[in-house]
C-alpha atoms as a PDB file:
ATOM      1  CA  MET A   1     -97.455-118.555 -37.434  1.00  0.00           C
ATOM      2  CA  SER A   2     -96.347-116.387 -34.424  1.00  0.00           C
ATOM      3  CA  ARG A   3     -92.794-116.247 -33.243  1.00  0.00           C
ATOM      4  CA  ALA A   4     -93.729-118.205 -30.200  1.00  0.00           C
ATOM      5  CA  ASP A   5     -95.209-121.015 -32.419  1.00  0.00           C
ATOM      6  CA  SER A   6     -92.139-121.090 -34.575  1.00  0.00           C
ATOM      7  CA  GLY A   7     -89.876-121.458 -31.635  1.00  0.00           C
ATOM      8  CA  THR A   8     -87.807-118.198 -32.337  1.00  0.00           C
ATOM      9  CA  ASP A   9     -87.467-115.125 -30.356  1.00  0.00           C
ATOM     10  CA  GLU A  10     -84.837-112.432 -30.919  1.00  0.00           C
ATOM     11  CA  ARG A  11     -84.182-112.258 -27.087  1.00  0.00           C
ATOM     12  CA  LEU A  12     -83.025-115.931 -27.036  1.00  0.00           C
ATOM     13  CA  PRO A  13     -79.805-117.562 -28.274  1.00  0.00           C
ATOM     14  CA  ALA A  14     -80.439-119.957 -31.360  1.00  0.00           C
ATOM     15  CA  TRP A  15     -79.927-122.897 -29.190  1.00  0.00           C
ATOM     16  CA  ALA A  16     -83.043-121.939 -26.963  1.00  0.00           C
ATOM     17  CA  ILE A  17     -86.246-122.961 -28.728  1.00  0.00           C
ATOM     18  CA  TRP A  18     -89.422-121.607 -26.984  1.00  0.00           C
ATOM     19  CA  ARG A  19     -93.042-122.383 -27.450  1.00  0.00           C
ATOM     20  CA  GLN A  20     -95.780-120.557 -25.647  1.00  0.00           C
ATOM     21  CA  ARG A  21     -98.877-122.661 -25.026  1.00  0.00           C
ATOM     22  CA  PRO A  22    -102.348-122.008 -23.509  1.00  0.00           C
ATOM     23  CA  PHE A  23    -103.633-123.771 -20.549  1.00  0.00           C
ATOM     24  CA  PRO A  24    -103.757-126.757 -19.514  1.00  0.00           C
ATOM     25  CA  ASP A  25    -100.205-126.890 -20.759  1.00  0.00           C
ATOM     26  CA  ALA A  26     -97.012-125.205 -19.522  1.00  0.00           C
ATOM     27  CA  ASN A  27     -94.832-123.482 -22.045  1.00  0.00           C
ATOM     28  CA  LEU A  28     -91.884-125.427 -23.572  1.00  0.00           C
ATOM     29  CA  LEU A  29     -88.197-124.587 -23.651  1.00  0.00           C
ATOM     30  CA  LEU A  30     -86.117-126.861 -25.711  1.00  0.00           C
ATOM     31  CA  ILE A  31     -82.392-126.271 -25.107  1.00  0.00           C
ATOM     32  CA  ASP A  32     -80.671-127.765 -28.127  1.00  0.00           C
ATOM     33  CA  GLY A  33     -77.133-129.016 -28.484  1.00  0.00           C
ATOM     34  CA  ARG A  34     -75.010-132.121 -27.604  1.00  0.00           C
ATOM     35  CA  GLU A  35     -77.276-132.995 -24.595  1.00  0.00           C
ATOM     36  CA  ALA A  36     -80.585-131.477 -25.610  1.00  0.00           C
ATOM     37  CA  ALA A  37     -82.977-130.804 -22.752  1.00  0.00           C
ATOM     38  CA  LEU A  38     -86.673-129.989 -22.501  1.00  0.00           C
ATOM     39  CA  VAL A  39     -87.929-127.872 -19.638  1.00  0.00           C
ATOM     40  CA  ASP A  40     -91.295-129.269 -18.487  1.00  0.00           C
ATOM     41  CA  SER A  41     -93.485-131.480 -20.729  1.00  0.00           C
ATOM     42  CA  GLY A  42     -97.122-130.048 -20.528  1.00  0.00           C
ATOM     43  CA  PHE A  43    -100.247-131.903 -19.823  1.00  0.00           C
ATOM     44  CA  VAL A  44    -100.816-135.672 -20.151  1.00  0.00           C
ATOM     45  CA  GLY A  45    -103.671-135.039 -22.624  1.00  0.00           C
ATOM     46  CA  HIS A  46    -101.215-133.361 -24.964  1.00  0.00           C
ATOM     47  CA  ALA A  47     -98.208-135.633 -24.461  1.00  0.00           C
ATOM     48  CA  GLN A  48     -98.164-136.819 -28.089  1.00  0.00           C
ATOM     49  CA  GLN A  49     -98.142-133.237 -29.338  1.00  0.00           C
ATOM     50  CA  THR A  50     -95.268-132.411 -26.980  1.00  0.00           C
ATOM     51  CA  ALA A  51     -93.184-135.301 -28.068  1.00  0.00           C
ATOM     52  CA  GLU A  52     -93.832-134.419 -31.849  1.00  0.00           C
ATOM     53  CA  TRP A  53     -92.790-130.863 -31.223  1.00  0.00           C
ATOM     54  CA  VAL A  54     -89.589-132.040 -29.617  1.00  0.00           C
ATOM     55  CA  ARG A  55     -88.920-134.338 -32.489  1.00  0.00           C
ATOM     56  CA  ALA A  56     -89.326-131.592 -34.962  1.00  0.00           C
ATOM     57  CA  HIS A  57     -86.638-129.587 -33.362  1.00  0.00           C
ATOM     58  CA  SER A  58     -84.183-132.177 -32.047  1.00  0.00           C
ATOM     59  CA  GLU A  59     -83.561-135.882 -32.415  1.00  0.00           C
ATOM     60  CA  ASN A  60     -81.277-135.975 -29.476  1.00  0.00           C
ATOM     61  CA  LEU A  61     -83.353-135.337 -26.338  1.00  0.00           C
ATOM     62  CA  THR A  62     -81.335-136.414 -23.278  1.00  0.00           C
ATOM     63  CA  ARG A  63     -83.194-134.886 -20.425  1.00  0.00           C
ATOM     64  CA  VAL A  64     -86.464-133.517 -19.165  1.00  0.00           C
ATOM     65  CA  VAL A  65     -86.120-131.066 -16.345  1.00  0.00           C
ATOM     66  CA  ASN A  66     -89.203-130.299 -14.466  1.00  0.00           C
ATOM     67  CA  THR A  67     -89.624-127.025 -12.522  1.00  0.00           C
ATOM     68  CA  HIS A  68     -92.151-128.747 -10.359  1.00  0.00           C
ATOM     69  CA  TRP A  69     -94.500-131.807 -10.315  1.00  0.00           C
ATOM     70  CA  HIS A  70     -97.903-130.369 -11.278  1.00  0.00           C
ATOM     71  CA  ALA A  71     -99.939-131.968 -13.934  1.00  0.00           C
ATOM     72  CA  ASP A  72     -99.280-129.151 -16.495  1.00  0.00           C
ATOM     73  CA  HIS A  73     -95.592-129.641 -16.109  1.00  0.00           C
ATOM     74  CA  VAL A  74     -94.927-133.373 -16.066  1.00  0.00           C
ATOM     75  CA  GLY A  75     -97.708-134.873 -18.337  1.00  0.00           C
ATOM     76  CA  GLY A  76     -95.323-135.716 -21.113  1.00  0.00           C
ATOM     77  CA  ASN A  77     -92.670-137.201 -18.808  1.00  0.00           C
ATOM     78  CA  ALA A  78     -93.904-140.810 -19.172  1.00  0.00           C
ATOM     79  CA  LEU A  79     -93.842-140.775 -23.077  1.00  0.00           C
ATOM     80  CA  LEU A  80     -90.608-139.115 -23.322  1.00  0.00           C
ATOM     81  CA  GLN A  81     -89.015-141.316 -20.627  1.00  0.00           C
ATOM     82  CA  ALA A  82     -90.122-144.315 -22.641  1.00  0.00           C
ATOM     83  CA  ARG A  83     -88.543-142.903 -25.672  1.00  0.00           C
ATOM     84  CA  GLY A  84     -85.048-142.668 -23.873  1.00  0.00           C
ATOM     85  CA  ALA A  85     -84.961-139.262 -22.054  1.00  0.00           C
ATOM     86  CA  GLY A  86     -84.077-138.957 -18.451  1.00  0.00           C
ATOM     87  CA  ILE A  87     -86.194-137.088 -15.992  1.00  0.00           C
ATOM     88  CA  ALA A  88     -84.617-134.556 -13.598  1.00  0.00           C
ATOM     89  CA  ALA A  89     -86.418-132.903 -10.860  1.00  0.00           C
ATOM     90  CA  GLY A  90     -86.101-131.244  -7.530  1.00  0.00           C
ATOM     91  CA  ALA A  91     -84.923-133.580  -4.692  1.00  0.00           C
ATOM     92  CA  PRO A  92     -88.194-133.268  -2.502  1.00  0.00           C
ATOM     93  CA  ASP A  93     -90.151-134.347  -5.695  1.00  0.00           C
ATOM     94  CA  ALA A  94     -87.669-136.975  -6.585  1.00  0.00           C
ATOM     95  CA  ASP A  95     -87.763-138.482  -2.980  1.00  0.00           C
ATOM     96  CA  ALA A  96     -91.608-138.731  -2.943  1.00  0.00           C
ATOM     97  CA  LEU A  97     -91.735-140.223  -6.373  1.00  0.00           C
ATOM     98  CA  ALA A  98     -89.128-142.837  -5.503  1.00  0.00           C
ATOM     99  CA  ARG A  99     -91.330-143.834  -2.532  1.00  0.00           C
ATOM    100  CA  ARG A 100     -94.506-143.821  -4.834  1.00  0.00           C
ATOM    101  CA  ASP A 101     -96.162-141.559  -2.318  1.00  0.00           C
ATOM    102  CA  PRO A 102     -99.835-141.531  -2.962  1.00  0.00           C
ATOM    103  CA  GLY A 103     -99.684-137.677  -2.877  1.00  0.00           C
ATOM    104  CA  CYS A 104     -97.210-137.397  -5.726  1.00  0.00           C
ATOM    105  CA  CYS A 105     -97.763-134.577  -8.083  1.00  0.00           C
ATOM    106  CA  LEU A 106    -100.884-133.706  -6.095  1.00  0.00           C
ATOM    107  CA  ALA A 107    -102.621-135.578  -8.963  1.00  0.00           C
ATOM    108  CA  GLU A 108    -105.383-137.076  -6.673  1.00  0.00           C
ATOM    109  CA  TYR A 109    -105.543-134.216  -4.381  1.00  0.00           C
ATOM    110  CA  LEU A 110    -106.131-131.775  -7.218  1.00  0.00           C
ATOM    111  CA  ASP A 111    -108.004-134.338  -9.650  1.00  0.00           C
ATOM    112  CA  GLN A 112    -105.353-133.680 -12.325  1.00  0.00           C
ATOM    113  CA  PRO A 113    -104.228-136.914 -13.974  1.00  0.00           C
ATOM    114  CA  VAL A 114    -100.412-137.692 -14.413  1.00  0.00           C
ATOM    115  CA  ALA A 115     -99.096-140.735 -16.218  1.00  0.00           C
ATOM    116  CA  PRO A 116     -96.561-142.847 -14.090  1.00  0.00           C
ATOM    117  CA  TYR A 117     -92.918-141.726 -14.330  1.00  0.00           C
ATOM    118  CA  THR A 118     -89.720-141.931 -12.269  1.00  0.00           C
ATOM    119  CA  VAL A 119     -87.005-139.390 -11.692  1.00  0.00           C
ATOM    120  CA  ASP A 120     -83.632-140.459 -12.733  1.00  0.00           C
ATOM    121  CA  GLU A 121     -81.760-137.380 -11.399  1.00  0.00           C
ATOM    122  CA  PRO A 122     -82.627-135.516  -8.231  1.00  0.00           C
ATOM    123  CA  LEU A 123     -81.477-131.855  -8.332  1.00  0.00           C
ATOM    124  CA  ASP A 124     -80.349-129.730  -5.315  1.00  0.00           C
ATOM    125  CA  ASP A 125     -79.826-126.119  -4.905  1.00  0.00           C
ATOM    126  CA  GLY A 126     -76.700-124.823  -6.601  1.00  0.00           C
ATOM    127  CA  GLN A 127     -76.107-127.776  -8.598  1.00  0.00           C
ATOM    128  CA  MET A 128     -74.763-127.303 -12.269  1.00  0.00           C
ATOM    129  CA  LEU A 129     -76.431-129.037 -15.142  1.00  0.00           C
ATOM    130  CA  ARG A 130     -75.091-129.302 -18.601  1.00  0.00           C
ATOM    131  CA  LEU A 131     -78.151-128.553 -20.786  1.00  0.00           C
ATOM    132  CA  GLY A 132     -77.582-128.446 -24.644  1.00  0.00           C
ATOM    133  CA  ASN A 133     -74.017-126.949 -24.748  1.00  0.00           C
ATOM    134  CA  ALA A 134     -74.458-124.632 -21.839  1.00  0.00           C
ATOM    135  CA  ASP A 135     -74.225-124.858 -18.066  1.00  0.00           C
ATOM    136  CA  TRP A 136     -77.117-124.025 -15.958  1.00  0.00           C
ATOM    137  CA  GLU A 137     -77.541-123.466 -12.215  1.00  0.00           C
ATOM    138  CA  VAL A 138     -80.406-125.148 -10.173  1.00  0.00           C
ATOM    139  CA  VAL A 139     -82.054-122.441  -7.980  1.00  0.00           C
ATOM    140  CA  ARG A 140     -84.595-123.744  -5.361  1.00  0.00           C
ATOM    141  CA  THR A 141     -87.456-121.515  -5.267  1.00  0.00           C
ATOM    142  CA  PRO A 142     -90.169-123.079  -3.005  1.00  0.00           C
ATOM    143  CA  GLY A 143     -93.564-121.515  -2.444  1.00  0.00           C
ATOM    144  CA  HIS A 144     -95.819-122.625  -5.350  1.00  0.00           C
ATOM    145  CA  THR A 145     -94.778-126.115  -4.333  1.00  0.00           C
ATOM    146  CA  PRO A 146     -92.074-127.001  -1.824  1.00  0.00           C
ATOM    147  CA  GLY A 147     -89.992-128.711  -4.595  1.00  0.00           C
ATOM    148  CA  HIS A 148     -90.211-125.825  -7.098  1.00  0.00           C
ATOM    149  CA  LEU A 149     -87.071-124.879  -8.789  1.00  0.00           C
ATOM    150  CA  ALA A 150     -85.720-122.348 -11.385  1.00  0.00           C
ATOM    151  CA  LEU A 151     -82.797-122.552 -13.855  1.00  0.00           C
ATOM    152  CA  TRP A 152     -80.256-119.820 -14.398  1.00  0.00           C
ATOM    153  CA  GLN A 153     -77.844-119.608 -17.304  1.00  0.00           C
ATOM    154  CA  PRO A 154     -75.334-116.879 -16.260  1.00  0.00           C
ATOM    155  CA  GLU A 155     -73.662-116.131 -19.498  1.00  0.00           C
ATOM    156  CA  GLU A 156     -76.811-115.385 -21.321  1.00  0.00           C
ATOM    157  CA  ARG A 157     -78.532-114.390 -18.100  1.00  0.00           C
ATOM    158  CA  LEU A 158     -81.591-116.440 -18.939  1.00  0.00           C
ATOM    159  CA  LEU A 159     -83.774-117.368 -15.995  1.00  0.00           C
ATOM    160  CA  VAL A 160     -86.486-120.058 -16.277  1.00  0.00           C
ATOM    161  CA  VAL A 161     -88.921-119.344 -13.432  1.00  0.00           C
ATOM    162  CA  GLY A 162     -91.579-122.144 -13.684  1.00  0.00           C
ATOM    163  CA  ASP A 163     -94.755-121.017 -11.944  1.00  0.00           C
ATOM    164  CA  ALA A 164     -92.988-118.603  -9.538  1.00  0.00           C
ATOM    165  CA  LEU A 165     -94.186-115.787 -11.744  1.00  0.00           C
ATOM    166  CA  SER A 166     -95.510-114.731 -15.060  1.00  0.00           C
ATOM    167  CA  ASP A 167     -95.923-111.599 -17.031  1.00  0.00           C
ATOM    168  CA  TYR A 168     -99.334-111.131 -15.488  1.00  0.00           C
ATOM    169  CA  ASP A 169     -99.461-113.234 -12.286  1.00  0.00           C
ATOM    170  CA  VAL A 170     -97.757-115.232  -9.577  1.00  0.00           C
ATOM    171  CA  GLY A 171     -98.230-118.898  -8.617  1.00  0.00           C
ATOM    172  CA  TRP A 172    -100.846-119.856  -6.213  1.00  0.00           C
ATOM    173  CA  VAL A 173     -99.770-121.449  -2.874  1.00  0.00           C
ATOM    174  CA  ASN A 174    -101.270-124.214  -0.965  1.00  0.00           C
ATOM    175  CA  SER A 175    -101.477-123.048   2.766  1.00  0.00           C
ATOM    176  CA  ALA A 176    -103.472-126.108   3.782  1.00  0.00           C
ATOM    177  CA  LEU A 177    -100.753-128.586   2.670  1.00  0.00           C
ATOM    178  CA  ASP A 178     -97.675-126.442   2.924  1.00  0.00           C
ATOM    179  CA  GLY A 179     -98.458-124.454   6.042  1.00  0.00           C
ATOM    180  CA  PRO A 180     -99.399-120.803   6.785  1.00  0.00           C
ATOM    181  CA  ASP A 181     -95.813-119.493   5.876  1.00  0.00           C
ATOM    182  CA  ALA A 182     -96.011-120.798   2.217  1.00  0.00           C
ATOM    183  CA  THR A 183     -96.773-117.321   0.864  1.00  0.00           C
ATOM    184  CA  VAL A 184     -93.808-115.871   2.703  1.00  0.00           C
ATOM    185  CA  VAL A 185     -91.663-118.649   1.268  1.00  0.00           C
ATOM    186  CA  ALA A 186     -92.822-117.772  -2.127  1.00  0.00           C
ATOM    187  CA  LEU A 187     -92.000-114.078  -1.625  1.00  0.00           C
ATOM    188  CA  GLN A 188     -88.570-114.939  -0.471  1.00  0.00           C
ATOM    189  CA  SER A 189     -88.114-117.018  -3.617  1.00  0.00           C
ATOM    190  CA  LEU A 190     -88.993-114.036  -5.712  1.00  0.00           C
ATOM    191  CA  ASP A 191     -86.524-111.977  -3.860  1.00  0.00           C
ATOM    192  CA  ARG A 192     -83.851-114.619  -4.747  1.00  0.00           C
ATOM    193  CA  LEU A 193     -84.843-114.518  -8.383  1.00  0.00           C
ATOM    194  CA  THR A 194     -84.725-110.670  -8.424  1.00  0.00           C
ATOM    195  CA  ASP A 195     -81.247-110.637  -7.066  1.00  0.00           C
ATOM    196  CA  LEU A 196     -80.004-112.620 -10.210  1.00  0.00           C
ATOM    197  CA  ARG A 197     -80.773-109.537 -12.470  1.00  0.00           C
ATOM    198  CA  PRO A 198     -81.908-111.705 -15.512  1.00  0.00           C
ATOM    199  CA  ARG A 199     -81.881-110.330 -19.024  1.00  0.00           C
ATOM    200  CA  VAL A 200     -84.712-112.706 -19.982  1.00  0.00           C
ATOM    201  CA  LEU A 201     -87.421-114.268 -17.953  1.00  0.00           C
ATOM    202  CA  LEU A 202     -88.921-117.619 -19.148  1.00  0.00           C
ATOM    203  CA  PRO A 203     -92.194-118.293 -17.388  1.00  0.00           C
ATOM    204  CA  ALA A 204     -94.105-121.562 -17.648  1.00  0.00           C
ATOM    205  CA  HIS A 205     -97.362-119.576 -18.661  1.00  0.00           C
ATOM    206  CA  GLY A 206     -97.948-116.643 -20.758  1.00  0.00           C
ATOM    207  CA  PRO A 207     -95.478-114.683 -22.908  1.00  0.00           C
ATOM    208  CA  ILE A 208     -91.822-113.827 -22.165  1.00  0.00           C
ATOM    209  CA  PRO A 209     -92.080-110.487 -20.261  1.00  0.00           C
ATOM    210  CA  ALA A 210     -90.792-107.476 -22.179  1.00  0.00           C
ATOM    211  CA  ASP A 211     -89.161-105.917 -19.172  1.00  0.00           C
ATOM    212  CA  PRO A 212     -87.846-108.548 -16.593  1.00  0.00           C
ATOM    213  CA  ASP A 213     -87.285-105.870 -13.846  1.00  0.00           C
ATOM    214  CA  ALA A 214     -90.846-104.708 -14.185  1.00  0.00           C
ATOM    215  CA  ALA A 215     -92.171-108.182 -14.225  1.00  0.00           C
ATOM    216  CA  LEU A 216     -90.298-109.183 -11.029  1.00  0.00           C
ATOM    217  CA  ALA A 217     -91.274-105.984  -9.331  1.00  0.00           C
ATOM    218  CA  SER A 218     -94.941-106.584 -10.115  1.00  0.00           C
ATOM    219  CA  ALA A 219     -94.814-110.231  -8.947  1.00  0.00           C
ATOM    220  CA  ARG A 220     -93.260-109.182  -5.596  1.00  0.00           C
ATOM    221  CA  ARG A 221     -96.159-106.750  -5.149  1.00  0.00           C
ATOM    222  CA  ARG A 222     -98.718-109.466  -5.913  1.00  0.00           C
ATOM    223  CA  ALA A 223     -96.950-111.907  -3.655  1.00  0.00           C
ATOM    224  CA  GLN A 224     -96.828-109.447  -0.718  1.00  0.00           C
ATOM    225  CA  ARG A 225    -100.721-109.036  -1.066  1.00  0.00           C
ATOM    226  CA  LEU A 226    -100.987-112.869  -0.756  1.00  0.00           C
ATOM    227  CA  VAL A 227     -98.834-112.663   2.351  1.00  0.00           C
ATOM    228  CA  ASP A 228    -100.856-109.782   3.855  1.00  0.00           C
ATOM    229  CA  ASP A 229    -104.371-111.484   2.985  1.00  0.00           C
ATOM    230  CA  PRO A 230    -104.218-115.168   3.951  1.00  0.00           C
ATOM    231  CA  ASP A 231    -107.924-115.501   3.034  1.00  0.00           C
ATOM    232  CA  GLY A 232    -107.281-113.886  -0.330  1.00  0.00           C
ATOM    233  CA  ALA A 233    -104.487-116.356  -1.033  1.00  0.00           C
ATOM    234  CA  VAL A 234    -106.746-119.230  -0.358  1.00  0.00           C
ATOM    235  CA  TRP A 235    -109.441-117.862  -2.729  1.00  0.00           C
ATOM    236  CA  TYR A 236    -106.890-117.218  -5.403  1.00  0.00           C
ATOM    237  CA  GLY A 237    -105.916-120.851  -5.197  1.00  0.00           C
ATOM    238  CA  VAL A 238    -109.383-122.248  -5.424  1.00  0.00           C
ATOM    239  CA  HIS A 239    -110.236-120.020  -8.419  1.00  0.00           C
ATOM    240  CA  ARG A 240    -107.124-121.338 -10.263  1.00  0.00           C
ATOM    241  CA  ILE A 241    -107.867-125.007  -9.406  1.00  0.00           C
ATOM    242  CA  PHE A 242    -111.411-124.862 -10.292  1.00  0.00           C
ATOM    243  CA  ALA A 243    -110.662-123.236 -13.694  1.00  0.00           C
ATOM    244  CA  PHE A 244    -108.075-125.899 -14.504  1.00  0.00           C
ATOM    245  CA  ALA A 245    -110.701-128.564 -13.751  1.00  0.00           C
ATOM    246  CA  LEU A 246    -113.227-127.030 -16.088  1.00  0.00           C
ATOM    247  CA  MET A 247    -110.377-126.671 -18.818  1.00  0.00           C
ATOM    248  CA  ILE A 248    -109.373-130.414 -18.808  1.00  0.00           C
ATOM    249  CA  ARG A 249    -112.869-131.781 -18.780  1.00  0.00           C
ATOM    250  CA  ASP A 250    -114.454-129.584 -21.426  1.00  0.00           C
ATOM    251  CA  GLY A 251    -116.568-128.115 -18.742  1.00  0.00           C
ATOM    252  CA  ILE A 252    -118.899-129.726 -16.067  1.00  0.00           C
ATOM    253  CA  PRO A 253    -122.596-129.870 -16.231  1.00  0.00           C
ATOM    254  CA  VAL A 254    -124.298-127.123 -14.222  1.00  0.00           C
ATOM    255  CA  ASP A 255    -126.309-129.648 -12.269  1.00  0.00           C
ATOM    256  CA  GLU A 256    -123.317-131.804 -11.380  1.00  0.00           C
ATOM    257  CA  VAL A 257    -120.708-129.081 -10.571  1.00  0.00           C
ATOM    258  CA  GLU A 258    -121.480-128.617  -6.829  1.00  0.00           C
ATOM    259  CA  SER A 259    -121.384-132.415  -6.259  1.00  0.00           C
ATOM    260  CA  TYR A 260    -118.057-132.540  -8.128  1.00  0.00           C
ATOM    261  CA  LEU A 261    -116.643-129.800  -5.968  1.00  0.00           C
ATOM    262  CA  HIS A 262    -117.983-131.386  -2.589  1.00  0.00           C
ATOM    263  CA  ALA A 263    -115.826-134.390  -3.364  1.00  0.00           C
ATOM    264  CA  ARG A 264    -112.621-132.614  -3.736  1.00  0.00           C
ATOM    265  CA  ALA A 265    -110.049-132.578  -0.955  1.00  0.00           C
ATOM    266  CA  TRP A 266    -108.708-129.205  -2.014  1.00  0.00           C
ATOM    267  CA  LEU A 267    -112.066-127.541  -1.666  1.00  0.00           C
ATOM    268  CA  THR A 268    -112.550-129.193   1.803  1.00  0.00           C
ATOM    269  CA  ASP A 269    -109.121-127.879   2.986  1.00  0.00           C
ATOM    270  CA  ALA A 270    -109.790-124.478   1.572  1.00  0.00           C
ATOM    271  CA  ALA A 271    -113.346-124.403   3.376  1.00  0.00           C
ATOM    272  CA  ARG A 272    -111.536-125.184   6.629  1.00  0.00           C
ATOM    273  CA  LEU A 273    -109.125-122.195   6.266  1.00  0.00           C
ATOM    274  CA  LEU A 274    -111.883-119.895   5.302  1.00  0.00           C
ATOM    275  CA  ARG A 275    -114.138-121.074   8.091  1.00  0.00           C
ATOM    276  CA  LEU A 276    -116.798-122.131   5.790  1.00  0.00           C
ATOM    277  CA  THR A 277    -118.602-125.405   5.012  1.00  0.00           C
ATOM    278  CA  PRO A 278    -117.545-127.186   1.825  1.00  0.00           C
ATOM    279  CA  GLU A 279    -121.125-126.580   0.535  1.00  0.00           C
ATOM    280  CA  SER A 280    -121.265-122.879   1.090  1.00  0.00           C
ATOM    281  CA  LEU A 281    -117.714-122.560  -0.335  1.00  0.00           C
ATOM    282  CA  ALA A 282    -118.692-124.444  -3.459  1.00  0.00           C
ATOM    283  CA  ALA A 283    -121.752-122.420  -4.170  1.00  0.00           C
ATOM    284  CA  GLU A 284    -119.847-119.150  -3.570  1.00  0.00           C
ATOM    285  CA  LEU A 285    -117.018-120.238  -5.773  1.00  0.00           C
ATOM    286  CA  VAL A 286    -119.273-120.954  -8.566  1.00  0.00           C
ATOM    287  CA  ASP A 287    -121.262-117.768  -8.102  1.00  0.00           C
ATOM    288  CA  THR A 288    -118.186-115.565  -7.959  1.00  0.00           C
ATOM    289  CA  MET A 289    -116.605-117.026 -10.931  1.00  0.00           C
ATOM    290  CA  VAL A 290    -119.645-116.748 -13.062  1.00  0.00           C
ATOM    291  CA  ARG A 291    -120.236-113.154 -12.045  1.00  0.00           C
ATOM    292  CA  GLY A 292    -116.622-112.254 -12.425  1.00  0.00           C
ATOM    293  CA  GLY A 293    -116.512-113.665 -15.982  1.00  0.00           C
ATOM    294  CA  GLY A 294    -113.819-116.474 -15.199  1.00  0.00           C
ATOM    295  CA  VAL A 295    -116.417-119.094 -15.910  1.00  0.00           C
ATOM    296  CA  VAL A 296    -119.214-119.032 -18.549  1.00  0.00           C
ATOM    297  CA  VAL A 297    -122.215-121.117 -19.163  1.00  0.00           C
ATOM    298  CA  ARG A 298    -122.809-122.814 -22.434  1.00  0.00           C
ATOM    299  CA  SER A 299    -125.278-125.592 -23.344  1.00  0.00           C
ATOM    300  CA  GLY A 300    -125.872-126.354 -19.729  1.00  0.00           C
ATOM    301  CA  ARG A 301    -122.202-126.686 -18.929  1.00  0.00           C
ATOM    302  CA  LEU A 302    -119.815-124.480 -16.921  1.00  0.00           C
ATOM    303  CA  HIS A 303    -116.652-123.650 -18.922  1.00  0.00           C
ATOM    304  CA  ALA A 304    -113.400-121.798 -18.017  1.00  0.00           C
ATOM    305  CA  ALA A 305    -113.430-118.558 -20.005  1.00  0.00           C
ATOM    306  CA  ALA A 306    -109.650-118.301 -20.329  1.00  0.00           C
ATOM    307  CA  GLU A 307    -108.032-119.414 -23.488  1.00  0.00           C
ATOM    308  CA  HIS A 308    -107.289-123.122 -23.362  1.00  0.00           C
ATOM    309  CA  THR A 309    -106.656-126.172 -25.640  1.00  0.00           C
ATOM    310  CA  PRO A 310    -109.337-128.882 -25.498  1.00  0.00           C
ATOM    311  CA  VAL A 311    -108.373-132.290 -24.099  1.00  0.00           C
ATOM    312  CA  THR A 312    -109.600-135.652 -25.433  1.00  0.00           C
ATOM    313  CA  PRO A 313    -111.175-137.510 -22.599  1.00  0.00           C
ATOM    314  CA  GLY A 314    -109.654-140.751 -23.248  1.00  0.00           C
ATOM    315  CA  SER A 315    -106.123-139.320 -23.043  1.00  0.00           C
ATOM    316  CA  MET A 316    -106.730-138.705 -19.205  1.00  0.00           C
ATOM    317  CA  ARG A 317    -107.361-142.288 -18.360  1.00  0.00           C
ATOM    318  CA  VAL A 318    -104.252-142.768 -16.328  1.00  0.00           C
ATOM    319  CA  PRO A 319    -104.129-144.077 -12.742  1.00  0.00           C
ATOM    320  CA  PHE A 320    -103.606-141.944  -9.698  1.00  0.00           C
ATOM    321  CA  PRO A 321    -100.142-142.284  -7.936  1.00  0.00           C
ATOM    322  CA  ARG A 322    -101.518-144.742  -5.284  1.00  0.00           C
ATOM    323  CA  ALA A 323    -102.100-147.163  -8.157  1.00  0.00           C
ATOM    324  CA  TRP A 324     -98.882-146.558 -10.005  1.00  0.00           C
ATOM    325  CA  PRO A 325     -96.574-149.531 -10.352  1.00  0.00           C
ATOM    326  CA  ALA A 326     -93.706-149.806  -7.828  1.00  0.00           C
ATOM    327  CA  GLN A 327     -91.228-148.864 -10.620  1.00  0.00           C
ATOM    328  CA  ALA A 328     -92.340-147.265 -13.852  1.00  0.00           C
ATOM    329  CA  PRO A 329     -90.720-148.477 -17.038  1.00  0.00           C
ATOM    330  CA  ALA A 330     -87.145-147.126 -16.933  1.00  0.00           C
ATOM    331  CA  GLY A 331     -85.847-144.677 -19.597  1.00  0.00           C
ATOM    332  CA  SER A 332     -82.168-143.914 -20.034  1.00  0.00           C
ATOM    333  CA  HIS A 333     -80.492-142.295 -17.093  1.00  0.00           C
ATOM    334  CA  CYS A 334     -79.125-138.680 -17.411  1.00  0.00           C
ATOM    335  CA  PRO A 335     -75.489-138.511 -17.853  1.00  0.00           C
END
């Protein structure tokens, strides 16, 4: 068992229990103590595994704090909320969820299912949260999504960064929905994180970076390239979204993949920004990902080449937000 699987890492205090997970899940951080909290909850297809891992390390889960509302970060919310945990999330996400906006979590837009949940505690920039036995500061870091946030623990200098960056990448941005300045906003958020001078970075994907300063500097360079190349930023996003679609569906039959892509709102928006037809973008996307090795063909199906955990099809049978009940079953509220 690796240190990541065992939940231990010599860079972390004993009360910070870490688990690195492959896609389609986000990594897990359990902050143990009197008011135990989990940061992000993975994909809905693995909600039971998330809950079991939490139970193995703590019987006192009080809160789930979401860095943002994408499917790989909020998929265990509904189950953990039903078991008594309160959900805390950035105010923009919380407001939309309270209205039951059909666009919640971008679930329908991205075709990434999310089980219905509610936010018990909206979070604002600069707000202090008691997680475990330590105080953490909420740091708004929009860019990857408008409601994205980071968490900063100043005594230990731990920085939870969500999808703002990883040891090898930066989060994709959605210029179609969030505007042409979304890449600039993401870069500004990285500047803010850099200014904190963290000792340890805790990303939502990939390993804990060995050198936080180097990881932040690399992320800034990558983000600057997205600012400088708007078309490249769009291509980057569609590659990531398509790979995720293949991961959660155990691939898509070769003879069905283009019809699947033609029906996707994210592809239509990307085609408009790239001045292409959806049909030509779909064909080029498949071709470039196969030629580049990001997608492989096995037994007549296209599969994502990156490491990922299989998903049981039945576990994704949840309604899109437009069909969510007006008020999901309430869990206990955060103190």
